[in-house]
Amino acid sequence: MTYAQDWYRKNREKHLQNCKKYYLEDKEGHKEKTKKWQKENRDAQRKIRMRTYYKNKEVENTRSRNYTLRRRIQVLKAYGGETPKCSNCSVTEIRVLELDHINNDGSQERKSVGKLGAGFYGYLIKNNYPNKDRYQILCKNCNYLKYLNAKQDSTGVYCANKACKRV
């Protein structure tokens, strides 16, 4: 064990307090330095991330799922109000709600943007939720019925919900 490692082990708390003090004194400067380092050291950052992932797979997977869920909820709230609900049947269960492209052009948009799934949510957030008139919130059932109706001729043949507004 080197002298530095031995010193750190003995003085860990003191060192962490000094780091915290330094960070609190210059938060913005610290953030700028971090971003600069990240841009200049993409490969090193990727190695660190991979090492962390393989050491803590379950924790990292849980963290990633939670992050994606938070972003999804953020997008649903932006397009569906504080309590998002299905535009047709008023279901409010977050687990079954989806963002629907009203004009059925979602595939073309995702291809032009180059983002799928969670990446598309990131695109919407980064661009401050564009085109609010192009999207609606639908539950999985209503979204699927909309798809079937579009395939059929929009007569509502597939609509099982009597109160449905015939998406």
Foldseek 3Di string as FASTA:
>chain_A
DDPVVVVCVVCVVVVVVVVVVVCVVCVPVVVVVVVVCCVVCVPVVVVVVVVVCVVCVVVVVVVVVVVLLVLLVVLQCVLQNPQRAAPWPRDRPSVFKDKDFPVNCVVVVCVVVVDDRSRVSVVCVVVVNPDSVRIGIHGNVVRVQLVVCVVPVLPCPPPPDPRGPSD
